[in-house]
């Protein structure tokens, strides 16, 4: 595992399946997380966000009522959102490329496929801590910068040079 001390983190686990919440809570407790909050719906999550102001949210995609994607968009875009910058890890069984891209476009920071492993959970938590990404606001998107690679381009117009080379 890592040398992180997670006891000061506040993590909100959101899943409508009580067994999955218990599994994630157990993993987080093994990491030393003490302040863990649970929610079984989007509505309960919104209330918990206001009440507990978590440092990280672990969010399921499929829930009754409001989906994880709808909730994510609400967290990022709603003017009443208590913290639109909160890092969110999507934990879901829906792992097609289309689903990963939808989650990314909704403003998710990290993505984990179910079934979750201890190693993967630690990897995603470490990524959020070690490599925080700046947030970007455009007319159609608000969330972490989607670029993960450090581009070595030097010059004002990277794309136009690539276009000329292709022609």
N, C-alpha and C. Protein backbone atom coordinates (compact mmCIF):
# COMPACT_ATOMS: atom_id res chain seq x y z
N UNK A 1 0.84 -1.18 0.00
CA UNK A 1 0.00 0.00 0.00
C UNK A 1 0.88 1.24 0.00
N UNK A 2 0.30 2.36 0.39
CA UNK A 2 1.05 3.60 0.33
C UNK A 2 1.34 4.12 1.73
N UNK A 3 2.11 5.19 1.76
CA UNK A 3 2.46 5.80 3.04
C UNK A 3 1.50 6.94 3.40
N UNK A 4 0.40 7.05 2.70
CA UNK A 4 -0.55 8.12 2.99
C UNK A 4 -1.22 7.89 4.33
N UNK A 5 -1.58 9.00 4.95
CA UNK A 5 -2.35 8.95 6.19
C UNK A 5 -3.71 9.55 5.86
N UNK A 6 -4.69 8.69 5.71
CA UNK A 6 -6.00 9.09 5.24
C UNK A 6 -6.98 9.47 6.36
N UNK A 7 -6.53 9.47 7.61
CA UNK A 7 -7.49 9.66 8.71
C UNK A 7 -8.18 11.02 8.70
N UNK A 8 -7.64 12.00 8.01
CA UNK A 8 -8.27 13.32 7.98
C UNK A 8 -9.20 13.50 6.78
N UNK A 9 -9.17 12.56 5.84
CA UNK A 9 -10.04 12.65 4.67
C UNK A 9 -11.50 12.40 5.04
N UNK A 10 -12.39 13.12 4.37
CA UNK A 10 -13.82 12.85 4.47
C UNK A 10 -14.27 12.34 3.11
N UNK A 11 -14.77 11.09 3.09
CA UNK A 11 -15.16 10.47 1.82
C UNK A 11 -16.63 10.10 1.88
N UNK A 12 -17.35 10.44 0.81
CA UNK A 12 -18.76 10.10 0.66
C UNK A 12 -18.88 8.97 -0.34
N UNK A 13 -19.48 7.85 0.09
CA UNK A 13 -19.67 6.68 -0.76
C UNK A 13 -21.14 6.65 -1.19
N UNK A 14 -21.38 6.70 -2.50
CA UNK A 14 -22.74 6.77 -3.03
C UNK A 14 -23.02 5.55 -3.91
N UNK A 15 -23.92 4.70 -3.44
CA UNK A 15 -24.33 3.52 -4.20
C UNK A 15 -25.66 3.06 -3.63
N UNK A 16 -26.59 2.70 -4.50
CA UNK A 16 -27.89 2.25 -3.99
C UNK A 16 -27.84 0.82 -3.48
N UNK A 17 -26.74 0.12 -3.72
CA UNK A 17 -26.57 -1.25 -3.24
C UNK A 17 -25.82 -1.22 -1.90
N UNK A 18 -26.50 -1.62 -0.84
CA UNK A 18 -25.91 -1.57 0.51
C UNK A 18 -24.67 -2.45 0.63
N UNK A 19 -24.65 -3.60 -0.07
CA UNK A 19 -23.49 -4.50 0.00
C UNK A 19 -22.26 -3.85 -0.65
N UNK A 20 -22.46 -3.17 -1.76
CA UNK A 20 -21.34 -2.50 -2.42
C UNK A 20 -20.83 -1.35 -1.56
N UNK A 21 -21.74 -0.58 -0.93
CA UNK A 21 -21.30 0.48 -0.04
C UNK A 21 -20.47 -0.09 1.09
N UNK A 22 -20.90 -1.20 1.67
CA UNK A 22 -20.18 -1.83 2.78
C UNK A 22 -18.78 -2.27 2.33
N UNK A 23 -18.69 -2.84 1.14
CA UNK A 23 -17.39 -3.27 0.60
C UNK A 23 -16.45 -2.07 0.46
N UNK A 24 -16.93 -0.99 -0.13
CA UNK A 24 -16.10 0.20 -0.33
C UNK A 24 -15.71 0.81 1.01
N UNK A 25 -16.66 0.87 1.94
CA UNK A 25 -16.37 1.41 3.28
C UNK A 25 -15.29 0.58 3.96
N UNK A 26 -15.37 -0.75 3.85
CA UNK A 26 -14.37 -1.63 4.45
C UNK A 26 -12.99 -1.39 3.86
N UNK A 27 -12.91 -1.20 2.55
CA UNK A 27 -11.63 -0.91 1.90
C UNK A 27 -11.07 0.42 2.41
N UNK A 28 -11.95 1.42 2.47
CA UNK A 28 -11.50 2.75 2.93
C UNK A 28 -11.04 2.70 4.38
N UNK A 29 -11.75 1.94 5.21
CA UNK A 29 -11.33 1.81 6.61
C UNK A 29 -9.97 1.13 6.72
N UNK A 30 -9.72 0.16 5.84
CA UNK A 30 -8.41 -0.51 5.83
C UNK A 30 -7.30 0.48 5.47
N UNK A 31 -7.62 1.51 4.69
CA UNK A 31 -6.64 2.54 4.34
C UNK A 31 -6.45 3.53 5.48
N UNK A 32 -7.32 3.48 6.48
CA UNK A 32 -7.23 4.40 7.59
C UNK A 32 -8.21 5.56 7.54
N UNK A 33 -9.12 5.54 6.57
CA UNK A 33 -10.12 6.61 6.49
C UNK A 33 -11.08 6.45 7.66
N UNK A 34 -11.31 7.52 8.38
CA UNK A 34 -12.18 7.50 9.55
C UNK A 34 -13.53 8.15 9.25
N UNK A 35 -13.51 9.23 8.50
CA UNK A 35 -14.72 10.00 8.22
C UNK A 35 -15.33 9.54 6.90
N UNK A 36 -16.20 8.54 6.98
CA UNK A 36 -16.85 7.98 5.80
C UNK A 36 -18.35 8.20 5.95
N UNK A 37 -18.95 8.75 4.92
CA UNK A 37 -20.38 8.99 4.90
C UNK A 37 -20.97 8.18 3.76
N UNK A 38 -22.22 7.77 3.91
CA UNK A 38 -22.86 6.95 2.89
C UNK A 38 -24.15 7.59 2.42
N UNK A 39 -24.46 7.36 1.15
CA UNK A 39 -25.73 7.80 0.58
C UNK A 39 -26.18 6.75 -0.43
N UNK A 40 -27.50 6.51 -0.48
CA UNK A 40 -28.05 5.50 -1.36
C UNK A 40 -28.76 6.08 -2.57
N UNK A 41 -28.81 7.42 -2.67
CA UNK A 41 -29.51 8.04 -3.80
C UNK A 41 -28.87 9.40 -4.10
N UNK A 42 -29.23 9.93 -5.26
CA UNK A 42 -28.74 11.25 -5.63
C UNK A 42 -29.23 12.33 -4.69
N UNK A 43 -30.48 12.21 -4.28
CA UNK A 43 -31.07 13.20 -3.37
C UNK A 43 -30.35 13.19 -2.02
N UNK A 44 -30.09 12.00 -1.49
CA UNK A 44 -29.38 11.88 -0.21
C UNK A 44 -27.94 12.38 -0.35
N UNK A 45 -27.35 12.18 -1.50
CA UNK A 45 -25.99 12.67 -1.75
C UNK A 45 -25.95 14.19 -1.70
N UNK A 46 -26.93 14.82 -2.32
CA UNK A 46 -26.98 16.28 -2.34
C UNK A 46 -27.05 16.83 -0.92
N UNK A 47 -27.87 16.20 -0.08
CA UNK A 47 -27.98 16.61 1.32
C UNK A 47 -26.66 16.39 2.06
N UNK A 48 -26.03 15.24 1.82
CA UNK A 48 -24.77 14.92 2.48
C UNK A 48 -23.65 15.87 2.05
N UNK A 49 -23.67 16.27 0.79
CA UNK A 49 -22.69 17.25 0.30
C UNK A 49 -22.78 18.53 1.11
N UNK A 50 -23.98 18.99 1.33
CA UNK A 50 -24.20 20.23 2.08
C UNK A 50 -23.81 20.06 3.55
N UNK A 51 -24.14 18.91 4.12
CA UNK A 51 -23.92 18.69 5.54
C UNK A 51 -22.46 18.37 5.90
N UNK A 52 -21.80 17.53 5.08
CA UNK A 52 -20.48 17.02 5.45
C UNK A 52 -19.33 17.60 4.64
N UNK A 53 -19.61 18.20 3.48
CA UNK A 53 -18.58 18.75 2.61
C UNK A 53 -17.40 17.77 2.44
N UNK A 54 -17.64 16.63 1.78
CA UNK A 54 -16.59 15.62 1.65
C UNK A 54 -15.42 16.09 0.79
N UNK A 55 -14.26 15.48 1.03
CA UNK A 55 -13.07 15.76 0.24
C UNK A 55 -13.08 14.99 -1.07
N UNK A 56 -13.70 13.81 -1.07
CA UNK A 56 -13.77 12.93 -2.24
C UNK A 56 -15.13 12.24 -2.23
N UNK A 57 -15.69 12.02 -3.42
CA UNK A 57 -16.92 11.24 -3.56
C UNK A 57 -16.62 10.02 -4.40
N UNK A 58 -17.11 8.87 -3.95
CA UNK A 58 -17.05 7.64 -4.75
C UNK A 58 -18.49 7.36 -5.16
N UNK A 59 -18.76 7.40 -6.46
CA UNK A 59 -20.11 7.47 -6.99
C UNK A 59 -20.42 6.33 -7.94
N UNK A 60 -21.56 5.67 -7.71
CA UNK A 60 -22.06 4.64 -8.62
C UNK A 60 -22.78 5.31 -9.79
N UNK A 61 -22.84 4.64 -10.92
CA UNK A 61 -23.51 5.18 -12.10
C UNK A 61 -25.02 4.95 -12.01
N UNK A 62 -25.42 3.68 -11.80
CA UNK A 62 -26.83 3.31 -11.87
C UNK A 62 -27.44 3.33 -10.47
N UNK A 63 -28.39 4.24 -10.30
CA UNK A 63 -29.15 4.32 -9.06
C UNK A 63 -30.58 4.66 -9.42
N UNK A 64 -31.51 4.30 -8.57
CA UNK A 64 -32.90 4.66 -8.81
C UNK A 64 -33.06 6.16 -8.66
N UNK A 65 -33.98 6.70 -9.43
CA UNK A 65 -34.19 8.15 -9.38
C UNK A 65 -33.16 8.85 -10.23
N UNK A 66 -32.18 9.43 -9.60
CA UNK A 66 -31.15 10.19 -10.29
C UNK A 66 -29.92 9.31 -10.52
N UNK A 67 -29.45 9.24 -11.76
CA UNK A 67 -28.25 8.44 -12.06
C UNK A 67 -27.01 9.16 -11.56
N UNK A 68 -25.91 8.44 -11.48
CA UNK A 68 -24.65 9.04 -11.08
C UNK A 68 -24.20 10.13 -12.04
N UNK A 69 -24.48 9.95 -13.33
CA UNK A 69 -24.10 10.97 -14.32
C UNK A 69 -24.92 12.23 -14.12
N UNK A 70 -26.23 12.07 -13.89
CA UNK A 70 -27.08 13.24 -13.64
C UNK A 70 -26.63 13.98 -12.38
N UNK A 71 -26.32 13.21 -11.35
CA UNK A 71 -25.84 13.81 -10.11
C UNK A 71 -24.51 14.53 -10.33
N UNK A 72 -23.62 13.92 -11.10
CA UNK A 72 -22.32 14.53 -11.38
C UNK A 72 -22.50 15.86 -12.09
N UNK A 73 -23.37 15.91 -13.07
CA UNK A 73 -23.62 17.17 -13.78
C UNK A 73 -24.20 18.22 -12.84
N UNK A 74 -25.05 17.78 -11.91
CA UNK A 74 -25.64 18.69 -10.94
C UNK A 74 -24.56 19.24 -9.99
N UNK A 75 -23.67 18.38 -9.54
CA UNK A 75 -22.59 18.81 -8.65
C UNK A 75 -21.70 19.85 -9.33
N UNK A 76 -21.38 19.60 -10.60
CA UNK A 76 -20.48 20.50 -11.33
C UNK A 76 -21.16 21.79 -11.79
N UNK A 77 -22.43 21.72 -12.22
CA UNK A 77 -23.03 22.86 -12.91
C UNK A 77 -24.07 23.64 -12.11
N UNK A 78 -24.66 23.06 -11.10
CA UNK A 78 -25.72 23.74 -10.37
C UNK A 78 -25.13 24.88 -9.53
N UNK A 79 -25.66 26.09 -9.67
CA UNK A 79 -25.14 27.22 -8.88
C UNK A 79 -25.27 27.00 -7.37
N UNK A 80 -26.19 26.12 -6.95
CA UNK A 80 -26.37 25.84 -5.52
C UNK A 80 -25.45 24.74 -5.02
N UNK A 81 -24.59 24.22 -5.88
CA UNK A 81 -23.69 23.14 -5.48
C UNK A 81 -22.73 23.63 -4.39
N UNK A 82 -22.65 22.88 -3.28
CA UNK A 82 -21.77 23.29 -2.19
C UNK A 82 -20.29 23.26 -2.56
N UNK A 83 -19.90 22.36 -3.47
CA UNK A 83 -18.50 22.27 -3.87
C UNK A 83 -18.40 21.67 -5.27
N UNK A 84 -18.45 22.49 -6.31
CA UNK A 84 -18.36 21.96 -7.67
C UNK A 84 -16.97 21.40 -8.01
N UNK A 85 -15.99 21.65 -7.15
CA UNK A 85 -14.62 21.19 -7.41
C UNK A 85 -14.28 19.87 -6.71
N UNK A 86 -15.23 19.27 -6.01
CA UNK A 86 -14.94 18.05 -5.26
C UNK A 86 -14.51 16.93 -6.23
N UNK A 87 -13.40 16.24 -5.94
CA UNK A 87 -12.99 15.13 -6.80
C UNK A 87 -13.98 13.97 -6.68
N UNK A 88 -14.31 13.37 -7.83
CA UNK A 88 -15.28 12.28 -7.87
C UNK A 88 -14.67 11.09 -8.59
N UNK A 89 -14.80 9.92 -7.96
CA UNK A 89 -14.39 8.66 -8.57
C UNK A 89 -15.66 7.91 -8.94
N UNK A 90 -15.84 7.62 -10.21
CA UNK A 90 -16.99 6.84 -10.67
C UNK A 90 -16.64 5.36 -10.51
N UNK A 91 -17.48 4.64 -9.76
CA UNK A 91 -17.31 3.21 -9.53
C UNK A 91 -18.52 2.52 -10.12
N UNK A 92 -18.33 1.79 -11.22
CA UNK A 92 -19.48 1.24 -11.94
C UNK A 92 -19.14 -0.05 -12.68
N UNK A 93 -20.18 -0.80 -12.96
CA UNK A 93 -20.03 -2.00 -13.78
C UNK A 93 -20.18 -1.69 -15.26
N UNK A 94 -20.57 -0.47 -15.58
CA UNK A 94 -20.74 -0.06 -16.98
C UNK A 94 -19.42 0.52 -17.48
N UNK A 95 -18.66 -0.32 -18.19
CA UNK A 95 -17.29 0.06 -18.52
C UNK A 95 -16.99 0.15 -20.01
N UNK A 96 -18.02 0.22 -20.83
CA UNK A 96 -17.75 0.38 -22.26
C UNK A 96 -17.07 1.73 -22.49
N UNK A 97 -16.41 1.86 -23.60
CA UNK A 97 -15.72 3.11 -23.92
C UNK A 97 -16.71 4.28 -23.92
N UNK A 98 -17.91 4.03 -24.42
CA UNK A 98 -18.94 5.07 -24.44
C UNK A 98 -19.27 5.55 -23.01
N UNK A 99 -19.39 4.61 -22.08
CA UNK A 99 -19.68 4.97 -20.70
C UNK A 99 -18.53 5.74 -20.05
N UNK A 100 -17.32 5.31 -20.32
CA UNK A 100 -16.15 6.01 -19.77
C UNK A 100 -16.11 7.44 -20.30
N UNK A 101 -16.40 7.62 -21.57
CA UNK A 101 -16.38 8.95 -22.17
C UNK A 101 -17.52 9.82 -21.61
N UNK A 102 -18.69 9.23 -21.40
CA UNK A 102 -19.80 9.98 -20.81
C UNK A 102 -19.44 10.45 -19.40
N UNK A 103 -18.81 9.56 -18.63
CA UNK A 103 -18.41 9.92 -17.27
C UNK A 103 -17.36 11.04 -17.32
N UNK A 104 -16.41 10.91 -18.19
CA UNK A 104 -15.38 11.95 -18.35
C UNK A 104 -16.02 13.28 -18.72
N UNK A 105 -16.96 13.24 -19.66
CA UNK A 105 -17.60 14.47 -20.12
C UNK A 105 -18.53 15.08 -19.07
N UNK A 106 -18.94 14.29 -18.08
CA UNK A 106 -19.77 14.80 -16.99
C UNK A 106 -18.92 15.45 -15.91
N UNK A 107 -17.60 15.23 -15.94
CA UNK A 107 -16.71 15.87 -14.97
C UNK A 107 -16.12 14.94 -13.93
N UNK A 108 -16.12 13.65 -14.20
CA UNK A 108 -15.54 12.67 -13.28
C UNK A 108 -14.02 12.83 -13.28
N UNK A 109 -13.41 12.67 -12.10
CA UNK A 109 -11.94 12.74 -12.00
C UNK A 109 -11.28 11.40 -12.33
N UNK A 110 -11.84 10.31 -11.78
CA UNK A 110 -11.27 8.98 -11.97
C UNK A 110 -12.40 7.98 -12.20
N UNK A 111 -12.05 6.81 -12.74
CA UNK A 111 -13.04 5.80 -13.11
C UNK A 111 -12.55 4.44 -12.62
N UNK A 112 -13.42 3.69 -11.95
CA UNK A 112 -13.09 2.33 -11.49
C UNK A 112 -14.19 1.39 -11.97
N UNK A 113 -13.77 0.26 -12.54
CA UNK A 113 -14.72 -0.77 -12.97
C UNK A 113 -15.00 -1.73 -11.82
N UNK A 114 -16.27 -2.10 -11.66
CA UNK A 114 -16.63 -3.12 -10.68
C UNK A 114 -16.30 -4.47 -11.28
N UNK A 115 -15.89 -5.44 -10.53
CA UNK A 115 -15.68 -5.40 -9.09
C UNK A 115 -14.41 -4.63 -8.74
N UNK A 116 -14.48 -3.88 -7.66
CA UNK A 116 -13.37 -3.04 -7.25
C UNK A 116 -12.33 -3.86 -6.50
N UNK A 117 -11.07 -3.53 -6.72
CA UNK A 117 -9.99 -4.17 -5.96
C UNK A 117 -9.36 -3.13 -5.05
N UNK A 118 -8.72 -3.60 -4.02
CA UNK A 118 -8.03 -2.71 -3.08
C UNK A 118 -6.94 -1.93 -3.81
N UNK A 119 -6.21 -2.61 -4.66
CA UNK A 119 -5.11 -1.97 -5.39
C UNK A 119 -5.63 -0.85 -6.30
N UNK A 120 -6.73 -1.10 -6.99
CA UNK A 120 -7.29 -0.08 -7.89
C UNK A 120 -7.81 1.11 -7.10
N UNK A 121 -8.48 0.85 -5.98
CA UNK A 121 -8.99 1.95 -5.17
C UNK A 121 -7.83 2.82 -4.67
N UNK A 122 -6.77 2.20 -4.20
CA UNK A 122 -5.61 2.96 -3.73
C UNK A 122 -4.99 3.75 -4.88
N UNK A 123 -4.93 3.15 -6.05
CA UNK A 123 -4.36 3.81 -7.21
C UNK A 123 -5.14 5.08 -7.56
N UNK A 124 -6.47 5.00 -7.55
CA UNK A 124 -7.29 6.17 -7.91
C UNK A 124 -7.23 7.25 -6.83
N UNK A 125 -7.25 6.85 -5.57
CA UNK A 125 -7.12 7.84 -4.49
C UNK A 125 -5.76 8.53 -4.57
N UNK A 126 -4.72 7.74 -4.81
CA UNK A 126 -3.36 8.30 -4.93
C UNK A 126 -3.27 9.26 -6.11
N UNK A 127 -3.92 8.90 -7.21
CA UNK A 127 -3.91 9.75 -8.39
C UNK A 127 -4.54 11.11 -8.11
N UNK A 128 -5.66 11.10 -7.39
CA UNK A 128 -6.32 12.37 -7.04
C UNK A 128 -5.42 13.23 -6.16
N UNK A 129 -4.70 12.59 -5.25
CA UNK A 129 -3.84 13.33 -4.32
C UNK A 129 -2.54 13.78 -4.99
N UNK A 130 -1.89 12.88 -5.71
CA UNK A 130 -0.58 13.17 -6.29
C UNK A 130 -0.64 14.01 -7.57
N UNK A 131 -1.70 13.83 -8.34
CA UNK A 131 -1.79 14.49 -9.64
C UNK A 131 -3.12 15.22 -9.80
N UNK A 132 -3.38 16.19 -8.95
CA UNK A 132 -4.65 16.92 -9.11
C UNK A 132 -4.63 17.67 -10.44
N UNK A 133 -5.73 17.60 -11.14
CA UNK A 133 -5.81 18.27 -12.44
C UNK A 133 -6.53 19.60 -12.28
N UNK A 134 -6.10 20.60 -13.01
CA UNK A 134 -6.80 21.89 -12.94
C UNK A 134 -8.21 21.74 -13.50
N UNK A 135 -9.11 22.60 -13.05
CA UNK A 135 -10.48 22.57 -13.55
C UNK A 135 -10.62 23.54 -14.70
N UNK A 136 -11.47 23.15 -15.65
CA UNK A 136 -11.67 23.91 -16.87
C UNK A 136 -13.16 24.24 -16.99
N UNK A 137 -13.45 25.48 -17.36
CA UNK A 137 -14.85 25.87 -17.59
C UNK A 137 -14.97 26.37 -19.02
N UNK A 138 -15.87 25.74 -19.78
CA UNK A 138 -16.20 26.20 -21.13
C UNK A 138 -17.71 26.39 -21.17
N UNK A 139 -18.22 26.69 -22.33
CA UNK A 139 -19.68 26.86 -22.44
C UNK A 139 -20.42 25.54 -22.27
N UNK A 140 -19.75 24.40 -22.51
CA UNK A 140 -20.43 23.11 -22.43
C UNK A 140 -19.83 22.15 -21.41
N UNK A 141 -18.74 22.53 -20.76
CA UNK A 141 -18.08 21.61 -19.83
C UNK A 141 -17.50 22.35 -18.64
N UNK A 142 -17.66 21.74 -17.47
CA UNK A 142 -16.95 22.19 -16.28
C UNK A 142 -16.49 20.95 -15.54
N UNK A 143 -15.22 20.87 -15.28
CA UNK A 143 -14.67 19.73 -14.56
C UNK A 143 -13.17 19.70 -14.70
N UNK A 144 -12.57 18.59 -14.27
CA UNK A 144 -11.11 18.49 -14.36
C UNK A 144 -10.66 18.45 -15.81
N UNK A 145 -9.51 19.04 -16.05
CA UNK A 145 -8.93 19.02 -17.40
C UNK A 145 -8.85 17.58 -17.87
N UNK A 146 -9.32 17.33 -19.07
CA UNK A 146 -9.37 15.95 -19.57
C UNK A 146 -8.04 15.48 -20.14
N UNK A 147 -7.10 16.37 -20.29
CA UNK A 147 -5.78 15.98 -20.81
C UNK A 147 -4.94 15.42 -19.68
N UNK A 148 -4.48 14.22 -19.85
CA UNK A 148 -3.65 13.59 -18.82
C UNK A 148 -2.17 13.58 -19.19
N UNK A 149 -1.88 13.64 -20.48
CA UNK A 149 -0.49 13.61 -20.90
C UNK A 149 0.09 15.01 -20.90
N UNK A 150 1.35 15.09 -20.57
CA UNK A 150 2.06 16.36 -20.66
C UNK A 150 2.58 16.46 -22.08
N UNK A 151 2.08 17.42 -22.82
CA UNK A 151 2.46 17.58 -24.22
C UNK A 151 3.79 18.32 -24.29
N UNK A 152 4.67 17.83 -25.13
CA UNK A 152 6.00 18.44 -25.28
C UNK A 152 6.02 19.49 -26.38
N UNK A 153 4.86 19.85 -26.92
CA UNK A 153 4.79 20.82 -28.01
C UNK A 153 5.35 22.17 -27.58
N UNK A 154 6.12 22.76 -28.44
CA UNK A 154 6.65 24.08 -28.19
C UNK A 154 6.27 24.95 -29.40
N UNK A 155 5.43 25.89 -29.20
CA UNK A 155 5.00 26.76 -30.30
C UNK A 155 3.55 27.14 -30.15
N UNK A 156 3.12 28.13 -30.88
CA UNK A 156 1.79 28.67 -30.67
C UNK A 156 0.65 27.84 -31.26
N UNK A 157 0.88 27.09 -32.36
CA UNK A 157 -0.24 26.43 -33.03
C UNK A 157 0.05 24.97 -33.29
N UNK A 158 -0.08 24.17 -32.25
CA UNK A 158 0.20 22.75 -32.35
C UNK A 158 -0.69 22.07 -33.40
N UNK A 159 -1.97 22.35 -33.39
CA UNK A 159 -2.90 21.65 -34.29
C UNK A 159 -2.72 22.07 -35.75
N UNK A 160 -2.47 23.34 -36.02
CA UNK A 160 -2.33 23.75 -37.42
C UNK A 160 -1.07 23.15 -38.03
N UNK A 161 0.00 22.99 -37.26
CA UNK A 161 1.22 22.37 -37.77
C UNK A 161 0.98 20.90 -38.10
N UNK A 162 0.21 20.22 -37.27
CA UNK A 162 -0.10 18.82 -37.52
C UNK A 162 -0.97 18.70 -38.77
N UNK A 163 -1.89 19.63 -38.96
CA UNK A 163 -2.76 19.61 -40.13
C UNK A 163 -1.95 19.81 -41.41
N UNK A 164 -1.01 20.75 -41.39
CA UNK A 164 -0.18 21.00 -42.56
C UNK A 164 0.68 19.79 -42.88
N UNK A 165 1.20 19.12 -41.86
CA UNK A 165 2.04 17.94 -42.08
C UNK A 165 1.21 16.81 -42.68
N UNK A 166 -0.04 16.68 -42.31
CA UNK A 166 -0.90 15.62 -42.84
C UNK A 166 -1.26 15.87 -44.30
N UNK A 167 -1.34 17.13 -44.68
CA UNK A 167 -1.70 17.47 -46.06
C UNK A 167 -0.52 17.24 -46.96
